[in-house]
Amino acid sequence: MPTAVLDGPPIEDLDIKRVLVKEITDALEKAYKLPRNVFTVLIKENAPNNVGVGGELIIDRRRT
């Protein structure tokens, strides 16, 4: 079964997550031409203090 994995910052609003999962599922259904119940969408939320870009934590980049 196809799985879409999203890695990104936390999304606090549950309604926004619902829309995101629906729209991603819509796109997968269109692309794969399979019924939507075969798709899994995983949202992996990463706090800025757990992600580094360019050798520094994202949380530190926001301070400058």
PDB file of N, CA and C in Angstrom:
ATOM      1  N   MET A   1       0.832  -1.182   0.000  1.00  0.00           N
ATOM      2  CA  MET A   1       0.000   0.000   0.000  1.00  0.00           C
ATOM      3  C   MET A   1       0.875   1.241   0.000  1.00  0.00           C
ATOM      4  N   PRO A   2       0.602   2.196  -0.865  1.00  0.00           N
ATOM      5  CA  PRO A   2       1.397   3.419  -0.907  1.00  0.00           C
ATOM      6  C   PRO A   2       1.267   4.228   0.392  1.00  0.00           C
ATOM      7  N   THR A   3       2.399   4.767   0.813  1.00  0.00           N
ATOM      8  CA  THR A   3       2.444   5.583   2.023  1.00  0.00           C
ATOM      9  C   THR A   3       3.141   6.897   1.720  1.00  0.00           C
ATOM     10  N   ALA A   4       2.532   7.991   2.152  1.00  0.00           N
ATOM     11  CA  ALA A   4       3.152   9.312   2.047  1.00  0.00           C
ATOM     12  C   ALA A   4       3.596   9.707   3.443  1.00  0.00           C
ATOM     13  N   VAL A   5       4.869  10.097   3.570  1.00  0.00           N
ATOM     14  CA  VAL A   5       5.415  10.494   4.866  1.00  0.00           C
ATOM     15  C   VAL A   5       5.816  11.961   4.774  1.00  0.00           C
ATOM     16  N   LEU A   6       5.289  12.760   5.678  1.00  0.00           N
ATOM     17  CA  LEU A   6       5.601  14.186   5.732  1.00  0.00           C
ATOM     18  C   LEU A   6       6.429  14.449   6.975  1.00  0.00           C
ATOM     19  N   ASP A   7       7.599  15.012   6.803  1.00  0.00           N
ATOM     20  CA  ASP A   7       8.440  15.433   7.913  1.00  0.00           C
ATOM     21  C   ASP A   7       8.452  16.941   7.921  1.00  0.00           C
ATOM     22  N   GLY A   8       8.091  17.525   9.055  1.00  0.00           N
ATOM     23  CA  GLY A   8       8.078  18.977   9.115  1.00  0.00           C
ATOM     24  C   GLY A   8       7.823  19.468  10.519  1.00  0.00           C
ATOM     25  N   PRO A   9       7.688  20.772  10.647  1.00  0.00           N
ATOM     26  CA  PRO A   9       7.425  21.345  11.958  1.00  0.00           C
ATOM     27  C   PRO A   9       6.018  20.971  12.431  1.00  0.00           C
ATOM     28  N   PRO A  10       5.792  21.033  13.733  1.00  0.00           N
ATOM     29  CA  PRO A  10       4.471  20.704  14.261  1.00  0.00           C
ATOM     30  C   PRO A  10       3.371  21.609  13.698  1.00  0.00           C
ATOM     31  N   ILE A  11       2.221  21.005  13.462  1.00  0.00           N
ATOM     32  CA  ILE A  11       1.012  21.734  13.071  1.00  0.00           C
ATOM     33  C   ILE A  11       0.059  21.607  14.242  1.00  0.00           C
ATOM     34  N   GLU A  12      -0.229  22.698  14.892  1.00  0.00           N
ATOM     35  CA  GLU A  12      -1.057  22.663  16.098  1.00  0.00           C
ATOM     36  C   GLU A  12      -2.540  22.488  15.785  1.00  0.00           C
ATOM     37  N   ASP A  13      -2.995  23.052  14.686  1.00  0.00           N
ATOM     38  CA  ASP A  13      -4.421  23.054  14.348  1.00  0.00           C
ATOM     39  C   ASP A  13      -4.831  21.717  13.728  1.00  0.00           C
ATOM     40  N   LEU A  14      -5.656  20.966  14.427  1.00  0.00           N
ATOM     41  CA  LEU A  14      -6.092  19.657  13.965  1.00  0.00           C
ATOM     42  C   LEU A  14      -6.889  19.742  12.666  1.00  0.00           C
ATOM     43  N   ASP A  15      -7.648  20.817  12.485  1.00  0.00           N
ATOM     44  CA  ASP A  15      -8.408  20.981  11.241  1.00  0.00           C
ATOM     45  C   ASP A  15      -7.479  21.135  10.036  1.00  0.00           C
ATOM     46  N   ILE A  16      -6.371  21.809  10.214  1.00  0.00           N
ATOM     47  CA  ILE A  16      -5.395  21.950   9.132  1.00  0.00           C
ATOM     48  C   ILE A  16      -4.806  20.585   8.788  1.00  0.00           C
ATOM     49  N   LYS A  17      -4.522  19.763   9.794  1.00  0.00           N
ATOM     50  CA  LYS A  17      -4.015  18.415   9.533  1.00  0.00           C
ATOM     51  C   LYS A  17      -5.036  17.584   8.769  1.00  0.00           C
ATOM     52  N   ARG A  18      -6.305  17.716   9.131  1.00  0.00           N
ATOM     53  CA  ARG A  18      -7.351  16.972   8.423  1.00  0.00           C
ATOM     54  C   ARG A  18      -7.377  17.341   6.943  1.00  0.00           C
ATOM     55  N   VAL A  19      -7.303  18.626   6.656  1.00  0.00           N
ATOM     56  CA  VAL A  19      -7.306  19.095   5.269  1.00  0.00           C
ATOM     57  C   VAL A  19      -6.065  18.595   4.549  1.00  0.00           C
ATOM     58  N   LEU A  20      -4.925  18.671   5.198  1.00  0.00           N
ATOM     59  CA  LEU A  20      -3.667  18.218   4.604  1.00  0.00           C
ATOM     60  C   LEU A  20      -3.743  16.747   4.226  1.00  0.00           C
ATOM     61  N   VAL A  21      -4.209  15.906   5.147  1.00  0.00           N
ATOM     62  CA  VAL A  21      -4.311  14.467   4.879  1.00  0.00           C
ATOM     63  C   VAL A  21      -5.307  14.199   3.755  1.00  0.00           C
ATOM     64  N   LYS A  22      -6.430  14.903   3.749  1.00  0.00           N
ATOM     65  CA  LYS A  22      -7.423  14.718   2.689  1.00  0.00           C
ATOM     66  C   LYS A  22      -6.858  15.093   1.327  1.00  0.00           C
ATOM     67  N   GLU A  23      -6.201  16.244   1.246  1.00  0.00           N
ATOM     68  CA  GLU A  23      -5.683  16.713  -0.037  1.00  0.00           C
ATOM     69  C   GLU A  23      -4.547  15.826  -0.551  1.00  0.00           C
ATOM     70  N   ILE A  24      -3.710  15.339   0.336  1.00  0.00           N
ATOM     71  CA  ILE A  24      -2.646  14.425  -0.077  1.00  0.00           C
ATOM     72  C   ILE A  24      -3.253  13.113  -0.560  1.00  0.00           C
ATOM     73  N   THR A  25      -4.248  12.621   0.153  1.00  0.00           N
ATOM     74  CA  THR A  25      -4.926  11.400  -0.264  1.00  0.00           C
ATOM     75  C   THR A  25      -5.607  11.595  -1.610  1.00  0.00           C
ATOM     76  N   ASP A  26      -6.229  12.753  -1.819  1.00  0.00           N
ATOM     77  CA  ASP A  26      -6.842  13.060  -3.117  1.00  0.00           C
ATOM     78  C   ASP A  26      -5.811  12.966  -4.241  1.00  0.00           C
ATOM     79  N   ALA A  27      -4.625  13.549  -4.005  1.00  0.00           N
ATOM     80  CA  ALA A  27      -3.576  13.543  -5.023  1.00  0.00           C
ATOM     81  C   ALA A  27      -3.054  12.126  -5.276  1.00  0.00           C
ATOM     82  N   LEU A  28      -2.897  11.341  -4.229  1.00  0.00           N
ATOM     83  CA  LEU A  28      -2.438   9.963  -4.390  1.00  0.00           C
ATOM     84  C   LEU A  28      -3.459   9.131  -5.167  1.00  0.00           C
ATOM     85  N   GLU A  29      -4.711   9.319  -4.833  1.00  0.00           N
ATOM     86  CA  GLU A  29      -5.779   8.589  -5.517  1.00  0.00           C
ATOM     87  C   GLU A  29      -5.787   8.916  -7.012  1.00  0.00           C
ATOM     88  N   LYS A  30      -5.609  10.181  -7.321  1.00  0.00           N
ATOM     89  CA  LYS A  30      -5.578  10.613  -8.720  1.00  0.00           C
ATOM     90  C   LYS A  30      -4.363  10.050  -9.447  1.00  0.00           C
ATOM     91  N   ALA A  31      -3.203  10.086  -8.811  1.00  0.00           N
ATOM     92  CA  ALA A  31      -1.969   9.645  -9.451  1.00  0.00           C
ATOM     93  C   ALA A  31      -1.913   8.130  -9.631  1.00  0.00           C
ATOM     94  N   TYR A  32      -2.308   7.401  -8.606  1.00  0.00           N
ATOM     95  CA  TYR A  32      -2.188   5.943  -8.644  1.00  0.00           C
ATOM     96  C   TYR A  32      -3.418   5.236  -9.199  1.00  0.00           C
ATOM     97  N   LYS A  33      -4.535   5.967  -9.251  1.00  0.00           N
ATOM     98  CA  LYS A  33      -5.796   5.381  -9.730  1.00  0.00           C
ATOM     99  C   LYS A  33      -6.173   4.140  -8.915  1.00  0.00           C
ATOM    100  N   LEU A  34      -6.004   4.257  -7.608  1.00  0.00           N
ATOM    101  CA  LEU A  34      -6.390   3.223  -6.658  1.00  0.00           C
ATOM    102  C   LEU A  34      -7.405   3.822  -5.685  1.00  0.00           C
ATOM    103  N   PRO A  35      -8.195   2.987  -5.030  1.00  0.00           N
ATOM    104  CA  PRO A  35      -9.155   3.525  -4.062  1.00  0.00           C
ATOM    105  C   PRO A  35      -8.447   4.158  -2.868  1.00  0.00           C
ATOM    106  N   ARG A  36      -9.012   5.223  -2.355  1.00  0.00           N
ATOM    107  CA  ARG A  36      -8.359   6.013  -1.312  1.00  0.00           C
ATOM    108  C   ARG A  36      -8.100   5.245  -0.028  1.00  0.00           C
ATOM    109  N   ASN A  37      -8.827   4.184   0.199  1.00  0.00           N
ATOM    110  CA  ASN A  37      -8.635   3.450   1.450  1.00  0.00           C
ATOM    111  C   ASN A  37      -7.341   2.632   1.474  1.00  0.00           C
ATOM    112  N   VAL A  38      -6.592   2.591   0.377  1.00  0.00           N
ATOM    113  CA  VAL A  38      -5.316   1.857   0.377  1.00  0.00           C
ATOM    114  C   VAL A  38      -4.128   2.751   0.764  1.00  0.00           C
ATOM    115  N   PHE A  39      -4.351   4.057   0.866  1.00  0.00           N
ATOM    116  CA  PHE A  39      -3.256   4.993   1.132  1.00  0.00           C
ATOM    117  C   PHE A  39      -3.123   5.296   2.623  1.00  0.00           C
ATOM    118  N   THR A  40      -1.878   5.418   3.047  1.00  0.00           N
ATOM    119  CA  THR A  40      -1.570   5.838   4.406  1.00  0.00           C
ATOM    120  C   THR A  40      -0.786   7.139   4.330  1.00  0.00           C
ATOM    121  N   VAL A  41      -1.161   8.102   5.151  1.00  0.00           N
ATOM    122  CA  VAL A  41      -0.434   9.370   5.244  1.00  0.00           C
ATOM    123  C   VAL A  41       0.070   9.495   6.682  1.00  0.00           C
ATOM    124  N   LEU A  42       1.380   9.630   6.821  1.00  0.00           N
ATOM    125  CA  LEU A  42       2.006   9.793   8.132  1.00  0.00           C
ATOM    126  C   LEU A  42       2.542  11.213   8.264  1.00  0.00           C
ATOM    127  N   ILE A  43       2.187  11.862   9.340  1.00  0.00           N
ATOM    128  CA  ILE A  43       2.723  13.198   9.633  1.00  0.00           C
ATOM    129  C   ILE A  43       3.710  13.039  10.782  1.00  0.00           C
ATOM    130  N   LYS A  44       4.967  13.291  10.490  1.00  0.00           N
ATOM    131  CA  LYS A  44       6.017  13.227  11.515  1.00  0.00           C
ATOM    132  C   LYS A  44       6.411  14.659  11.849  1.00  0.00           C
ATOM    133  N   GLU A  45       6.120  15.046  13.056  1.00  0.00           N
ATOM    134  CA  GLU A  45       6.382  16.428  13.455  1.00  0.00           C
ATOM    135  C   GLU A  45       7.702  16.510  14.219  1.00  0.00           C
ATOM    136  N   ASN A  46       8.508  17.454  13.802  1.00  0.00           N
ATOM    137  CA  ASN A  46       9.831  17.635  14.381  1.00  0.00           C
ATOM    138  C   ASN A  46       9.964  19.044  14.945  1.00  0.00           C
ATOM    139  N   ALA A  47      10.228  19.119  16.230  1.00  0.00           N
ATOM    140  CA  ALA A  47      10.433  20.416  16.858  1.00  0.00           C
ATOM    141  C   ALA A  47      11.715  21.053  16.320  1.00  0.00           C
ATOM    142  N   PRO A  48      11.755  22.384  16.247  1.00  0.00           N
ATOM    143  CA  PRO A  48      12.937  23.071  15.728  1.00  0.00           C
ATOM    144  C   PRO A  48      14.224  22.753  16.485  1.00  0.00           C
ATOM    145  N   ASN A  49      14.103  22.316  17.730  1.00  0.00           N
ATOM    146  CA  ASN A  49      15.314  21.974  18.486  1.00  0.00           C
ATOM    147  C   ASN A  49      15.793  20.555  18.197  1.00  0.00           C
ATOM    148  N   ASN A  50      15.103  19.853  17.293  1.00  0.00           N
ATOM    149  CA  ASN A  50      15.505  18.498  16.908  1.00  0.00           C
ATOM    150  C   ASN A  50      15.924  18.396  15.438  1.00  0.00           C
ATOM    151  N   VAL A  51      16.039  19.529  14.762  1.00  0.00           N
ATOM    152  CA  VAL A  51      16.367  19.506  13.335  1.00  0.00           C
ATOM    153  C   VAL A  51      17.526  20.466  13.081  1.00  0.00           C
ATOM    154  N   GLY A  52      18.543  19.956  12.386  1.00  0.00           N
ATOM    155  CA  GLY A  52      19.665  20.804  12.025  1.00  0.00           C
ATOM    156  C   GLY A  52      19.744  20.994  10.521  1.00  0.00           C
ATOM    157  N   VAL A  53      20.063  22.207  10.107  1.00  0.00           N
ATOM    158  CA  VAL A  53      20.252  22.536   8.693  1.00  0.00           C
ATOM    159  C   VAL A  53      21.531  23.361   8.596  1.00  0.00           C
ATOM    160  N   GLY A  54      22.393  22.969   7.688  1.00  0.00           N
ATOM    161  CA  GLY A  54      23.628  23.724   7.493  1.00  0.00           C
ATOM    162  C   GLY A  54      24.522  23.748   8.724  1.00  0.00           C
ATOM    163  N   GLY A  55      24.452  22.696   9.531  1.00  0.00           N
ATOM    164  CA  GLY A  55      25.337  22.603  10.693  1.00  0.00           C
ATOM    165  C   GLY A  55      24.833  23.290  11.936  1.00  0.00           C
ATOM    166  N   GLU A  56      23.597  23.792  11.913  1.00  0.00           N
ATOM    167  CA  GLU A  56      23.056  24.415  13.126  1.00  0.00           C
ATOM    168  C   GLU A  56      21.587  24.048  13.293  1.00  0.00           C
ATOM    169  N   LEU A  57      21.145  24.061  14.539  1.00  0.00           N
ATOM    170  CA  LEU A  57      19.755  23.759  14.820  1.00  0.00           C
ATOM    171  C   LEU A  57      18.844  24.855  14.258  1.00  0.00           C
ATOM    172  N   ILE A  58      17.691  24.453  13.771  1.00  0.00           N
ATOM    173  CA  ILE A  58      16.738  25.431  13.238  1.00  0.00           C
ATOM    174  C   ILE A  58      16.353  26.446  14.315  1.00  0.00           C
ATOM    175  N   ILE A  59      16.196  25.979  15.540  1.00  0.00           N
ATOM    176  CA  ILE A  59      15.813  26.894  16.618  1.00  0.00           C
ATOM    177  C   ILE A  59      16.841  28.014  16.780  1.00  0.00           C
ATOM    178  N   ASP A  60      18.112  27.724  16.542  1.00  0.00           N
ATOM    179  CA  ASP A  60      19.152  28.738  16.646  1.00  0.00           C
ATOM    180  C   ASP A  60      19.133  29.684  15.450  1.00  0.00           C
ATOM    181  N   ARG A  61      18.722  29.210  14.311  1.00  0.00           N
ATOM    182  CA  ARG A  61      18.654  30.053  13.109  1.00  0.00           C
ATOM    183  C   ARG A  61      17.556  31.105  13.262  1.00  0.00           C
ATOM    184  N   ARG A  62      16.518  30.800  13.968  1.00  0.00           N
ATOM    185  CA  ARG A  62      15.406  31.744  14.164  1.00  0.00           C
ATOM    186  C   ARG A  62      15.807  32.918  15.028  1.00  0.00           C
ATOM    187  N   ARG A  63      16.785  32.729  15.860  1.00  0.00           N
ATOM    188  CA  ARG A  63      17.204  33.787  16.791  1.00  0.00           C
ATOM    189  C   ARG A  63      18.017  34.871  16.117  1.00  0.00           C
ATOM    190  N   THR A  64      18.573  34.582  14.945  1.00  0.00           N
ATOM    191  CA  THR A  64      19.441  35.566  14.288  1.00  0.00           C
ATOM    192  C   THR A  64      18.671  36.379  13.283  1.00  0.00           C
TER     193      THR A  64
END
